[in-house]
Every structure is written in structure tokens, then in C-alpha cells.
């Protein structure tokens, strides 16, 4: 299976992606744990352009093109080969992030995001888990990491609230693929909820 984790910045999706990958490996599955933007050498180079620097560094349209370039390389060099081998792929973000961040939150660009996805990517995860939590708590957590990769957190709480609404709306758009997990709990409890969904 190809499983993606989505959610606002600081929601705990990265933690849950790692935990699920470890759980699957403990059950004898071969798992590739990856992330977006990034996940392959070429995509990691693009990642730095996207997550570092001033918030106004790129227009939403430019971001969409950069994300698609990174995603295409990631798909070609990591995701598709892993699935062809029979491995499971667990990705910390995929195309739904672009649908929400650039398609709905930073402008009304969803049609452009979807058109480029169809032309350039053409693949959805088998299952997407949205880790949902209070945007104020998630933002504080995300900023506290101090990684220097806080360009999107720098847009502030209002932006994070719009992101949350965008992910919840996306779950309604793709009910057969997307499940919303309550992330306002201890990571062990959230991990149990994730396993129950799977």
C-alpha cells in the first residue's frame, strides 16, 4: 500500500508516519518511509527552496510548479520503484498538501493544482490519514522545533486555521481515500487510532 499522512504544521503527522512504518516493519512488511517535499536527492534540493526563507519568497503559482517538480522526481525514483518491488510506502505528505496549501489557502488555485497533478503525477495514495488538531497548539509546536524550515509557520495562526479547514474539506472531497484522525491526544493514543484506520 501507499499511505500518506497529512495535516497542518506541527500536527504530529511526521511522528505518526514514523510510528506506522515501524509497526508495519514489526509485522514483517518491507516499508519505505519518505517525505514531501523531498524524499529523493533531487526533491530534497527543491525542498530547501520551498521551506526556507521569507514567507513571500515565492508566489503560490511558483510553489505549485516547484512542488510538482519535486513530487515527480520523488515518484519516479522512490515511490514507484518501491511499490513495484512489493514494498509499502509511508509518506509524510503528498499531493493533498499542495491541494490545500497552494490550491485553497494561498489563492483559489485548486483547478491549476488538479490539472498539473493529472498531467505530471497521475497517482494518489491508497490511503491518506489527516492528523487533525487545534491549530494554535500545532503552530506553537511547529515553531518550537527551531529547524529553520518554518517558512509556512511564519504565515501565522490564521493561515494554520485555513489549512485545517482545507484538510477537513478535502476529506469530504475524497471520502473513499481520506480518513481524519483526532490528533489532540497522547502520541500513543493517536498511533492506536491510526492502526485502527488501517
N, C-alpha and C. Protein backbone atom coordinates (compact mmCIF):
# COMPACT_ATOMS: atom_id res chain seq x y z
N UNK A 1 0.83 -1.20 0.00
CA UNK A 1 0.00 0.00 0.00
C UNK A 1 0.87 1.25 0.00
N UNK A 2 0.29 2.30 -0.52
CA UNK A 2 0.91 3.63 -0.49
C UNK A 2 0.04 4.46 0.45
N UNK A 3 0.61 4.84 1.59
CA UNK A 3 -0.11 5.58 2.63
C UNK A 3 0.54 6.94 2.82
N UNK A 4 -0.27 7.99 2.80
CA UNK A 4 0.26 9.32 3.08
C UNK A 4 -0.35 9.87 4.36
N UNK A 5 0.43 10.69 5.04
CA UNK A 5 -0.03 11.42 6.22
C UNK A 5 -0.09 12.89 5.87
N UNK A 6 -1.17 13.54 6.28
CA UNK A 6 -1.36 14.97 6.02
C UNK A 6 -1.79 15.67 7.30
N UNK A 7 -1.74 16.98 7.27
CA UNK A 7 -2.18 17.78 8.42
C UNK A 7 -1.45 19.09 8.45
N UNK A 8 -1.89 19.95 9.35
CA UNK A 8 -1.26 21.26 9.47
C UNK A 8 0.12 21.11 10.08
N UNK A 9 0.92 22.16 10.00
CA UNK A 9 2.27 22.14 10.54
C UNK A 9 2.22 21.91 12.05
N UNK A 10 3.01 20.96 12.53
CA UNK A 10 3.05 20.68 13.96
C UNK A 10 1.96 19.77 14.48
N UNK A 11 1.22 19.12 13.57
CA UNK A 11 0.09 18.27 13.99
C UNK A 11 0.52 16.90 14.50
N UNK A 12 1.76 16.52 14.27
CA UNK A 12 2.23 15.21 14.69
C UNK A 12 2.22 14.17 13.59
N UNK A 13 1.96 14.59 12.34
CA UNK A 13 1.88 13.63 11.25
C UNK A 13 3.22 12.95 10.99
N UNK A 14 4.33 13.67 11.14
CA UNK A 14 5.65 13.05 10.93
C UNK A 14 5.90 11.96 11.96
N UNK A 15 5.56 12.25 13.20
CA UNK A 15 5.71 11.25 14.27
C UNK A 15 4.87 10.02 13.97
N UNK A 16 3.63 10.23 13.55
CA UNK A 16 2.74 9.11 13.27
C UNK A 16 3.17 8.32 12.04
N UNK A 17 3.72 9.00 11.05
CA UNK A 17 4.23 8.29 9.87
C UNK A 17 5.37 7.36 10.28
N UNK A 18 6.28 7.86 11.12
CA UNK A 18 7.40 7.03 11.59
C UNK A 18 6.91 5.85 12.41
N UNK A 19 5.93 6.10 13.26
CA UNK A 19 5.42 5.04 14.12
C UNK A 19 4.72 3.96 13.28
N UNK A 20 3.94 4.38 12.29
CA UNK A 20 3.26 3.38 11.47
C UNK A 20 4.27 2.56 10.68
N UNK A 21 5.29 3.22 10.14
CA UNK A 21 6.32 2.48 9.40
C UNK A 21 6.98 1.43 10.31
N UNK A 22 7.28 1.80 11.55
CA UNK A 22 7.90 0.86 12.49
C UNK A 22 6.94 -0.29 12.82
N UNK A 23 5.66 0.01 12.98
CA UNK A 23 4.66 -1.02 13.27
C UNK A 23 4.55 -2.01 12.11
N UNK A 24 4.52 -1.49 10.90
CA UNK A 24 4.42 -2.36 9.73
C UNK A 24 5.67 -3.24 9.59
N UNK A 25 6.84 -2.64 9.84
CA UNK A 25 8.07 -3.42 9.78
C UNK A 25 8.08 -4.52 10.83
N UNK A 26 7.56 -4.21 12.01
CA UNK A 26 7.49 -5.21 13.08
C UNK A 26 6.56 -6.37 12.70
N UNK A 27 5.64 -6.11 11.78
CA UNK A 27 4.72 -7.14 11.30
C UNK A 27 5.26 -7.85 10.05
N UNK A 28 6.53 -7.58 9.72
CA UNK A 28 7.16 -8.29 8.62
C UNK A 28 7.04 -7.65 7.26
N UNK A 29 6.52 -6.43 7.20
CA UNK A 29 6.38 -5.74 5.91
C UNK A 29 7.68 -5.00 5.59
N UNK A 30 8.00 -4.93 4.31
CA UNK A 30 9.09 -4.06 3.85
C UNK A 30 8.48 -2.68 3.63
N UNK A 31 9.06 -1.66 4.27
CA UNK A 31 8.48 -0.32 4.27
C UNK A 31 9.51 0.72 3.84
N UNK A 32 9.09 1.62 2.97
CA UNK A 32 9.88 2.80 2.63
C UNK A 32 9.19 3.98 3.28
N UNK A 33 9.88 4.61 4.23
CA UNK A 33 9.38 5.81 4.89
C UNK A 33 9.99 7.01 4.19
N UNK A 34 9.15 7.92 3.74
CA UNK A 34 9.64 9.04 2.95
C UNK A 34 8.87 10.31 3.30
N UNK A 35 9.19 11.42 2.64
CA UNK A 35 8.53 12.68 2.96
C UNK A 35 8.45 13.59 1.74
N UNK A 36 7.55 14.58 1.86
CA UNK A 36 7.47 15.63 0.84
C UNK A 36 7.36 16.98 1.52
N UNK A 37 7.87 18.03 0.91
CA UNK A 37 8.74 17.93 -0.27
C UNK A 37 10.04 17.24 0.11
N UNK A 38 10.56 16.48 -0.79
CA UNK A 38 11.79 15.74 -0.54
C UNK A 38 11.59 14.27 -0.85
N UNK A 39 12.38 13.44 -0.17
CA UNK A 39 12.25 12.01 -0.33
C UNK A 39 13.21 11.39 -1.32
N UNK A 40 13.76 12.20 -2.20
CA UNK A 40 14.77 11.75 -3.16
C UNK A 40 15.81 12.87 -3.25
N UNK A 41 17.03 12.58 -3.73
CA UNK A 41 18.04 13.63 -3.77
C UNK A 41 17.59 14.88 -4.53
N UNK A 42 16.99 14.70 -5.68
CA UNK A 42 16.53 15.86 -6.45
C UNK A 42 15.44 16.63 -5.72
N UNK A 43 14.50 15.90 -5.15
CA UNK A 43 13.40 16.55 -4.43
C UNK A 43 13.88 17.24 -3.17
N UNK A 44 14.88 16.69 -2.51
CA UNK A 44 15.43 17.34 -1.31
C UNK A 44 16.07 18.68 -1.66
N UNK A 45 16.69 18.77 -2.83
CA UNK A 45 17.28 20.05 -3.27
C UNK A 45 16.17 21.09 -3.47
N UNK A 46 15.04 20.66 -4.02
CA UNK A 46 13.91 21.57 -4.21
C UNK A 46 13.29 21.93 -2.86
N UNK A 47 13.28 20.99 -1.91
CA UNK A 47 12.70 21.22 -0.59
C UNK A 47 13.28 22.47 0.07
N UNK A 48 14.59 22.59 -0.01
CA UNK A 48 15.23 23.75 0.63
C UNK A 48 14.71 25.06 0.05
N UNK A 49 14.42 25.07 -1.23
CA UNK A 49 13.86 26.27 -1.85
C UNK A 49 12.47 26.59 -1.31
N UNK A 50 11.74 25.55 -0.94
CA UNK A 50 10.34 25.73 -0.54
C UNK A 50 10.14 26.03 0.93
N UNK A 51 10.93 25.42 1.80
CA UNK A 51 10.64 25.51 3.24
C UNK A 51 11.53 26.51 3.98
N UNK A 52 12.53 27.06 3.32
CA UNK A 52 13.41 28.03 3.97
C UNK A 52 13.19 29.40 3.36
N UNK A 53 13.53 30.43 4.11
CA UNK A 53 13.44 31.79 3.59
C UNK A 53 12.17 32.50 4.01
N UNK A 54 12.01 33.70 3.49
CA UNK A 54 10.88 34.56 3.85
C UNK A 54 9.57 34.00 3.30
N UNK A 55 8.46 34.22 4.02
CA UNK A 55 7.16 33.72 3.54
C UNK A 55 6.82 34.16 2.13
N UNK A 56 7.18 35.40 1.78
CA UNK A 56 6.80 35.93 0.46
C UNK A 56 7.81 35.56 -0.63
N UNK A 57 8.70 34.63 -0.34
CA UNK A 57 9.75 34.26 -1.29
C UNK A 57 9.20 33.83 -2.65
N UNK A 58 8.12 33.05 -2.66
CA UNK A 58 7.55 32.54 -3.90
C UNK A 58 6.07 32.87 -3.97
N UNK A 59 5.58 33.06 -5.18
CA UNK A 59 4.13 33.18 -5.37
C UNK A 59 3.52 31.78 -5.24
N UNK A 60 2.22 31.68 -4.98
CA UNK A 60 1.60 30.35 -4.93
C UNK A 60 1.77 29.57 -6.23
N UNK A 61 1.71 30.25 -7.36
CA UNK A 61 1.87 29.56 -8.66
C UNK A 61 3.27 28.95 -8.79
N UNK A 62 4.28 29.71 -8.38
CA UNK A 62 5.65 29.20 -8.44
C UNK A 62 5.81 28.01 -7.49
N UNK A 63 5.22 28.11 -6.31
CA UNK A 63 5.28 27.00 -5.36
C UNK A 63 4.67 25.74 -5.96
N UNK A 64 3.55 25.88 -6.64
CA UNK A 64 2.90 24.71 -7.25
C UNK A 64 3.84 24.03 -8.23
N UNK A 65 4.52 24.82 -9.05
CA UNK A 65 5.46 24.24 -10.02
C UNK A 65 6.64 23.56 -9.33
N UNK A 66 7.17 24.18 -8.29
CA UNK A 66 8.29 23.59 -7.55
C UNK A 66 7.88 22.29 -6.87
N UNK A 67 6.70 22.30 -6.24
CA UNK A 67 6.22 21.07 -5.58
C UNK A 67 6.04 19.95 -6.59
N UNK A 68 5.50 20.26 -7.76
CA UNK A 68 5.30 19.22 -8.76
C UNK A 68 6.61 18.69 -9.30
N UNK A 69 7.61 19.56 -9.44
CA UNK A 69 8.93 19.09 -9.88
C UNK A 69 9.51 18.13 -8.84
N UNK A 70 9.44 18.52 -7.58
CA UNK A 70 9.96 17.65 -6.52
C UNK A 70 9.17 16.35 -6.45
N UNK A 71 7.85 16.45 -6.53
CA UNK A 71 7.00 15.26 -6.42
C UNK A 71 7.25 14.28 -7.57
N UNK A 72 7.43 14.80 -8.77
CA UNK A 72 7.67 13.91 -9.92
C UNK A 72 8.95 13.11 -9.72
N UNK A 73 10.02 13.79 -9.27
CA UNK A 73 11.28 13.09 -9.03
C UNK A 73 11.11 12.05 -7.92
N UNK A 74 10.41 12.42 -6.87
CA UNK A 74 10.15 11.51 -5.75
C UNK A 74 9.36 10.28 -6.22
N UNK A 75 8.36 10.52 -7.04
CA UNK A 75 7.53 9.43 -7.55
C UNK A 75 8.35 8.48 -8.42
N UNK A 76 9.14 9.04 -9.33
CA UNK A 76 9.92 8.23 -10.27
C UNK A 76 11.03 7.44 -9.59
N UNK A 77 11.71 8.06 -8.64
CA UNK A 77 12.92 7.45 -8.09
C UNK A 77 12.72 6.69 -6.78
N UNK A 78 11.61 6.96 -6.07
CA UNK A 78 11.41 6.30 -4.77
C UNK A 78 10.07 5.55 -4.71
N UNK A 79 8.97 6.24 -4.92
CA UNK A 79 7.65 5.65 -4.65
C UNK A 79 7.32 4.52 -5.63
N UNK A 80 7.37 4.79 -6.92
CA UNK A 80 7.01 3.76 -7.89
C UNK A 80 7.93 2.54 -7.84
N UNK A 81 9.26 2.72 -7.74
CA UNK A 81 10.12 1.53 -7.62
C UNK A 81 9.81 0.71 -6.36
N UNK A 82 9.51 1.37 -5.24
CA UNK A 82 9.21 0.65 -4.00
C UNK A 82 7.93 -0.16 -4.16
N UNK A 83 6.89 0.44 -4.72
CA UNK A 83 5.63 -0.28 -4.91
C UNK A 83 5.80 -1.43 -5.90
N UNK A 84 6.62 -1.22 -6.93
CA UNK A 84 6.87 -2.28 -7.91
C UNK A 84 7.57 -3.48 -7.27
N UNK A 85 8.39 -3.22 -6.23
CA UNK A 85 9.07 -4.30 -5.51
C UNK A 85 8.14 -5.02 -4.53
N UNK A 86 6.97 -4.44 -4.30
CA UNK A 86 6.06 -5.01 -3.31
C UNK A 86 6.23 -4.42 -1.93
N UNK A 87 6.97 -3.34 -1.81
CA UNK A 87 7.14 -2.67 -0.53
C UNK A 87 5.93 -1.80 -0.22
N UNK A 88 5.75 -1.48 1.04
CA UNK A 88 4.78 -0.48 1.47
C UNK A 88 5.49 0.87 1.46
N UNK A 89 4.77 1.91 1.11
CA UNK A 89 5.32 3.27 1.14
C UNK A 89 4.49 4.10 2.12
N UNK A 90 5.18 4.71 3.08
CA UNK A 90 4.54 5.62 4.03
C UNK A 90 5.19 6.98 3.83
N UNK A 91 4.38 7.95 3.40
CA UNK A 91 4.92 9.27 3.07
C UNK A 91 4.34 10.35 3.98
N UNK A 92 5.24 11.14 4.53
CA UNK A 92 4.87 12.32 5.31
C UNK A 92 4.59 13.42 4.29
N UNK A 93 3.33 13.56 3.90
CA UNK A 93 2.77 14.46 2.90
C UNK A 93 2.88 13.87 1.49
N UNK A 94 1.92 14.32 0.65
CA UNK A 94 1.93 14.04 -0.79
C UNK A 94 1.10 15.13 -1.44
N UNK A 95 0.38 14.84 -2.49
CA UNK A 95 -0.28 15.88 -3.29
C UNK A 95 -1.38 16.64 -2.55
N UNK A 96 -1.99 16.02 -1.54
CA UNK A 96 -3.05 16.73 -0.82
C UNK A 96 -2.54 18.00 -0.16
N UNK A 97 -1.29 18.01 0.25
CA UNK A 97 -0.73 19.24 0.83
C UNK A 97 -0.73 20.37 -0.18
N UNK A 98 -0.39 20.08 -1.41
CA UNK A 98 -0.40 21.12 -2.45
C UNK A 98 -1.83 21.57 -2.72
N UNK A 99 -2.78 20.61 -2.71
CA UNK A 99 -4.19 20.99 -2.92
C UNK A 99 -4.65 21.98 -1.86
N UNK A 100 -4.19 21.80 -0.62
CA UNK A 100 -4.64 22.67 0.46
C UNK A 100 -3.77 23.92 0.57
N UNK A 101 -2.45 23.76 0.66
CA UNK A 101 -1.57 24.92 0.88
C UNK A 101 -1.63 25.92 -0.26
N UNK A 102 -1.44 25.44 -1.49
CA UNK A 102 -1.41 26.36 -2.62
C UNK A 102 -2.76 26.45 -3.33
N UNK A 103 -3.50 25.36 -3.34
CA UNK A 103 -4.74 25.32 -4.10
C UNK A 103 -5.90 26.03 -3.45
N UNK A 104 -5.93 26.03 -2.12
CA UNK A 104 -7.08 26.61 -1.44
C UNK A 104 -6.72 27.74 -0.48
N UNK A 105 -5.54 27.70 0.10
CA UNK A 105 -5.22 28.62 1.19
C UNK A 105 -4.48 29.87 0.73
N UNK A 106 -3.59 29.71 -0.25
CA UNK A 106 -2.80 30.86 -0.70
C UNK A 106 -3.34 31.45 -1.98
N UNK A 107 -4.55 31.08 -2.35
CA UNK A 107 -5.18 31.57 -3.56
C UNK A 107 -6.18 30.54 -4.04
N UNK A 108 -7.06 30.93 -4.92
CA UNK A 108 -8.06 30.00 -5.44
C UNK A 108 -7.47 29.29 -6.66
N UNK A 109 -6.53 28.38 -6.39
CA UNK A 109 -5.76 27.76 -7.47
C UNK A 109 -5.97 26.25 -7.55
N UNK A 110 -7.03 25.76 -6.96
CA UNK A 110 -7.26 24.31 -6.93
C UNK A 110 -7.34 23.72 -8.34
N UNK A 111 -7.97 24.42 -9.27
CA UNK A 111 -8.07 23.89 -10.64
C UNK A 111 -6.69 23.71 -11.25
N UNK A 112 -5.80 24.67 -11.02
CA UNK A 112 -4.43 24.56 -11.53
C UNK A 112 -3.69 23.40 -10.87
N UNK A 113 -3.83 23.28 -9.55
CA UNK A 113 -3.19 22.18 -8.83
C UNK A 113 -3.66 20.84 -9.37
N UNK A 114 -4.98 20.68 -9.53
CA UNK A 114 -5.52 19.41 -10.00
C UNK A 114 -5.11 19.11 -11.44
N UNK A 115 -5.09 20.14 -12.29
CA UNK A 115 -4.70 19.92 -13.69
C UNK A 115 -3.24 19.47 -13.78
N UNK A 116 -2.36 20.14 -13.05
CA UNK A 116 -0.94 19.75 -13.06
C UNK A 116 -0.75 18.36 -12.46
N UNK A 117 -1.50 18.06 -11.41
CA UNK A 117 -1.38 16.73 -10.80
C UNK A 117 -1.75 15.65 -11.82
N UNK A 118 -2.82 15.87 -12.53
CA UNK A 118 -3.26 14.90 -13.54
C UNK A 118 -2.20 14.73 -14.63
N UNK A 119 -1.63 15.84 -15.09
CA UNK A 119 -0.65 15.81 -16.17
C UNK A 119 0.71 15.27 -15.75
N UNK A 120 1.15 15.61 -14.55
CA UNK A 120 2.54 15.34 -14.17
C UNK A 120 2.68 14.18 -13.18
N UNK A 121 1.72 14.00 -12.28
CA UNK A 121 1.84 12.99 -11.24
C UNK A 121 0.95 11.79 -11.53
N UNK A 122 -0.34 12.00 -11.63
CA UNK A 122 -1.27 10.95 -12.04
C UNK A 122 -1.44 9.80 -11.06
N UNK A 123 -1.09 9.99 -9.82
CA UNK A 123 -1.22 8.92 -8.82
C UNK A 123 -1.67 9.50 -7.50
N UNK A 124 -2.55 8.76 -6.82
CA UNK A 124 -2.98 9.10 -5.46
C UNK A 124 -2.53 7.99 -4.52
N UNK A 125 -2.36 8.30 -3.24
CA UNK A 125 -2.11 7.23 -2.27
C UNK A 125 -3.33 6.30 -2.20
N UNK A 126 -3.10 5.09 -1.69
CA UNK A 126 -4.21 4.17 -1.45
C UNK A 126 -5.02 4.63 -0.24
N UNK A 127 -4.34 5.23 0.72
CA UNK A 127 -4.97 5.70 1.95
C UNK A 127 -4.25 6.95 2.42
N UNK A 128 -5.02 7.96 2.80
CA UNK A 128 -4.45 9.19 3.35
C UNK A 128 -5.04 9.43 4.72
N UNK A 129 -4.18 9.66 5.70
CA UNK A 129 -4.59 9.90 7.08
C UNK A 129 -4.29 11.35 7.43
N UNK A 130 -5.32 12.13 7.69
CA UNK A 130 -5.16 13.53 8.09
C UNK A 130 -5.14 13.57 9.61
N UNK A 131 -4.02 14.00 10.18
CA UNK A 131 -3.93 14.17 11.63
C UNK A 131 -4.46 15.57 11.95
N UNK A 132 -5.61 15.61 12.61
CA UNK A 132 -6.30 16.87 12.87
C UNK A 132 -6.10 17.29 14.32
N UNK A 133 -5.76 18.58 14.50
CA UNK A 133 -5.63 19.09 15.87
C UNK A 133 -5.80 20.59 15.90
N UNK A 134 -5.87 21.13 17.11
CA UNK A 134 -6.03 22.56 17.32
C UNK A 134 -4.88 23.32 16.66
N UNK A 135 -5.19 24.26 15.76
CA UNK A 135 -4.14 24.98 15.04
C UNK A 135 -3.19 25.78 15.95
N UNK A 136 -3.70 26.35 17.04
CA UNK A 136 -2.83 27.13 17.94
C UNK A 136 -1.80 26.23 18.60
N UNK A 137 -2.21 25.05 19.04
CA UNK A 137 -1.29 24.11 19.67
C UNK A 137 -0.27 23.61 18.64
N UNK A 138 -0.75 23.27 17.46
CA UNK A 138 0.14 22.76 16.41
C UNK A 138 1.16 23.81 15.99
N UNK A 139 0.71 25.07 15.88
CA UNK A 139 1.63 26.13 15.47
C UNK A 139 2.73 26.33 16.51
N UNK A 140 2.35 26.35 17.79
CA UNK A 140 3.35 26.51 18.84
C UNK A 140 4.36 25.36 18.79
N UNK A 141 3.88 24.17 18.56
CA UNK A 141 4.75 23.00 18.47
C UNK A 141 5.68 23.12 17.27
N UNK A 142 5.11 23.52 16.12
CA UNK A 142 5.91 23.64 14.91
C UNK A 142 7.00 24.69 15.02
N UNK A 143 6.67 25.83 15.61
CA UNK A 143 7.67 26.89 15.77
C UNK A 143 8.74 26.51 16.79
N UNK A 144 8.37 25.72 17.79
CA UNK A 144 9.31 25.32 18.83
C UNK A 144 10.40 24.38 18.32
N UNK A 145 10.15 23.74 17.17
CA UNK A 145 11.16 22.81 16.65
C UNK A 145 12.46 23.52 16.30
N UNK A 146 12.37 24.74 15.82
CA UNK A 146 13.57 25.52 15.52
C UNK A 146 14.46 24.91 14.47
N UNK A 147 13.88 24.32 13.43
CA UNK A 147 14.68 23.65 12.40
C UNK A 147 15.15 24.61 11.30
N UNK A 148 14.57 25.80 11.26
CA UNK A 148 14.86 26.72 10.15
C UNK A 148 13.95 26.47 8.96
N UNK A 149 13.16 25.39 9.02
CA UNK A 149 12.21 25.06 7.96
C UNK A 149 10.82 25.52 8.38
N UNK A 150 10.69 26.80 8.67
CA UNK A 150 9.44 27.31 9.23
C UNK A 150 8.79 28.38 8.35
N UNK A 151 9.05 28.32 7.06
CA UNK A 151 8.50 29.33 6.16
C UNK A 151 6.98 29.36 6.21
N UNK A 152 6.33 28.20 6.24
CA UNK A 152 4.87 28.17 6.24
C UNK A 152 4.31 28.50 7.62
N UNK A 153 5.00 28.11 8.70
CA UNK A 153 4.56 28.50 10.04
C UNK A 153 4.58 30.02 10.20
N UNK A 154 5.50 30.67 9.47
CA UNK A 154 5.64 32.13 9.58
C UNK A 154 4.42 32.88 9.05
N UNK A 155 3.54 32.21 8.33
CA UNK A 155 2.31 32.86 7.87
C UNK A 155 1.33 33.10 9.01
N UNK A 156 1.53 32.42 10.16
CA UNK A 156 0.74 32.69 11.36
C UNK A 156 -0.46 31.80 11.58
N UNK A 157 -1.18 32.08 12.69
CA UNK A 157 -2.29 31.25 13.13
C UNK A 157 -3.46 31.26 12.15
N UNK A 158 -3.79 32.42 11.60
CA UNK A 158 -4.91 32.48 10.66
C UNK A 158 -4.67 31.54 9.48
N UNK A 159 -3.44 31.50 9.00
CA UNK A 159 -3.09 30.60 7.90
C UNK A 159 -3.27 29.14 8.32
N UNK A 160 -2.81 28.79 9.53
CA UNK A 160 -2.95 27.41 10.01
C UNK A 160 -4.42 27.02 10.16
N UNK A 161 -5.27 27.97 10.59
CA UNK A 161 -6.69 27.68 10.70
C UNK A 161 -7.32 27.43 9.33
N UNK A 162 -6.88 28.18 8.32
CA UNK A 162 -7.36 27.95 6.96
C UNK A 162 -6.89 26.59 6.44
N UNK A 163 -5.65 26.23 6.79
CA UNK A 163 -5.14 24.92 6.39
C UNK A 163 -6.00 23.80 6.98
N UNK A 164 -6.30 23.93 8.27
CA UNK A 164 -7.11 22.89 8.91
C UNK A 164 -8.46 22.74 8.20
N UNK A 165 -9.11 23.86 7.94
CA UNK A 165 -10.39 23.82 7.23
C UNK A 165 -10.22 23.19 5.86
N UNK A 166 -9.11 23.48 5.20
CA UNK A 166 -8.84 22.92 3.87
C UNK A 166 -8.68 21.41 3.90
N UNK A 167 -7.96 20.90 4.91
CA UNK A 167 -7.78 19.44 5.01
C UNK A 167 -9.10 18.75 5.34
N UNK A 168 -9.91 19.36 6.20
CA UNK A 168 -11.19 18.75 6.55
C UNK A 168 -12.13 18.74 5.33
N UNK A 169 -12.09 19.80 4.53
CA UNK A 169 -12.90 19.85 3.32
C UNK A 169 -12.42 18.79 2.31
N UNK A 170 -11.11 18.62 2.23
CA UNK A 170 -10.55 17.63 1.31
C UNK A 170 -11.00 16.21 1.68
N UNK A 171 -11.12 15.95 2.97
CA UNK A 171 -11.59 14.63 3.42
C UNK A 171 -13.00 14.38 2.92
N UNK A 172 -13.80 15.43 2.80
CA UNK A 172 -15.15 15.28 2.26
C UNK A 172 -15.12 15.07 0.75
N UNK A 173 -14.11 15.66 0.08
CA UNK A 173 -13.98 15.50 -1.37
C UNK A 173 -13.55 14.09 -1.76
N UNK A 174 -12.76 13.43 -0.90
CA UNK A 174 -12.22 12.10 -1.20
C UNK A 174 -12.55 11.12 -0.06
N UNK A 175 -13.83 10.87 0.19
CA UNK A 175 -14.21 10.03 1.34
C UNK A 175 -13.74 8.58 1.25
N UNK A 176 -13.48 8.08 0.06
CA UNK A 176 -13.02 6.70 -0.08
C UNK A 176 -11.54 6.53 0.24
N UNK A 177 -10.81 7.64 0.23
CA UNK A 177 -9.34 7.57 0.42
C UNK A 177 -8.87 8.24 1.70
N UNK A 178 -9.51 9.30 2.13
CA UNK A 178 -9.01 10.10 3.24
C UNK A 178 -9.78 9.82 4.52
N UNK A 179 -9.03 9.59 5.60
CA UNK A 179 -9.61 9.42 6.93
C UNK A 179 -9.02 10.51 7.83
N UNK A 180 -9.86 11.09 8.67
CA UNK A 180 -9.42 12.12 9.62
C UNK A 180 -9.22 11.45 10.97
N UNK A 181 -8.03 11.67 11.55
CA UNK A 181 -7.66 11.12 12.85
C UNK A 181 -7.55 12.26 13.84
N UNK A 182 -8.21 12.14 14.98
CA UNK A 182 -8.10 13.15 16.04
C UNK A 182 -6.69 13.10 16.61
N UNK A 183 -5.93 14.17 16.40
CA UNK A 183 -4.55 14.22 16.87
C UNK A 183 -4.36 14.93 18.19
N UNK A 184 -5.45 15.38 18.82
CA UNK A 184 -5.37 16.07 20.11
C UNK A 184 -5.33 15.04 21.24
N UNK A 185 -4.27 14.26 21.28
CA UNK A 185 -4.13 13.22 22.30
C UNK A 185 -2.66 12.82 22.39
N UNK A 186 -2.36 12.00 23.36
CA UNK A 186 -1.02 11.44 23.51
C UNK A 186 -0.65 10.69 22.22
N UNK A 187 0.62 10.78 21.79
CA UNK A 187 1.02 10.10 20.55
C UNK A 187 0.69 8.61 20.52
N UNK A 188 0.72 7.94 21.67
CA UNK A 188 0.37 6.51 21.71
C UNK A 188 -1.09 6.29 21.35
N UNK A 189 -1.94 7.17 21.85
CA UNK A 189 -3.38 7.05 21.55
C UNK A 189 -3.62 7.33 20.08
N UNK A 190 -2.94 8.36 19.55
CA UNK A 190 -3.11 8.69 18.13
C UNK A 190 -2.63 7.52 17.28
N UNK A 191 -1.52 6.91 17.66
CA UNK A 191 -0.99 5.75 16.91
C UNK A 191 -2.00 4.60 16.90
N UNK A 192 -2.70 4.40 18.00
CA UNK A 192 -3.74 3.36 18.06
C UNK A 192 -4.87 3.69 17.10
N UNK A 193 -5.23 4.97 17.01
CA UNK A 193 -6.29 5.39 16.09
C UNK A 193 -5.86 5.17 14.64
N UNK A 194 -4.58 5.46 14.37
CA UNK A 194 -4.06 5.25 13.01
C UNK A 194 -4.12 3.77 12.64
N UNK A 195 -3.67 2.90 13.55
CA UNK A 195 -3.69 1.46 13.28
C UNK A 195 -5.11 0.96 13.07
N UNK A 196 -6.05 1.49 13.84
CA UNK A 196 -7.45 1.08 13.69
C UNK A 196 -7.97 1.44 12.31
N UNK A 197 -7.57 2.59 11.80
CA UNK A 197 -7.98 3.00 10.45
C UNK A 197 -7.41 2.07 9.40
N UNK A 198 -6.16 1.70 9.58
CA UNK A 198 -5.50 0.84 8.60
C UNK A 198 -6.16 -0.54 8.58
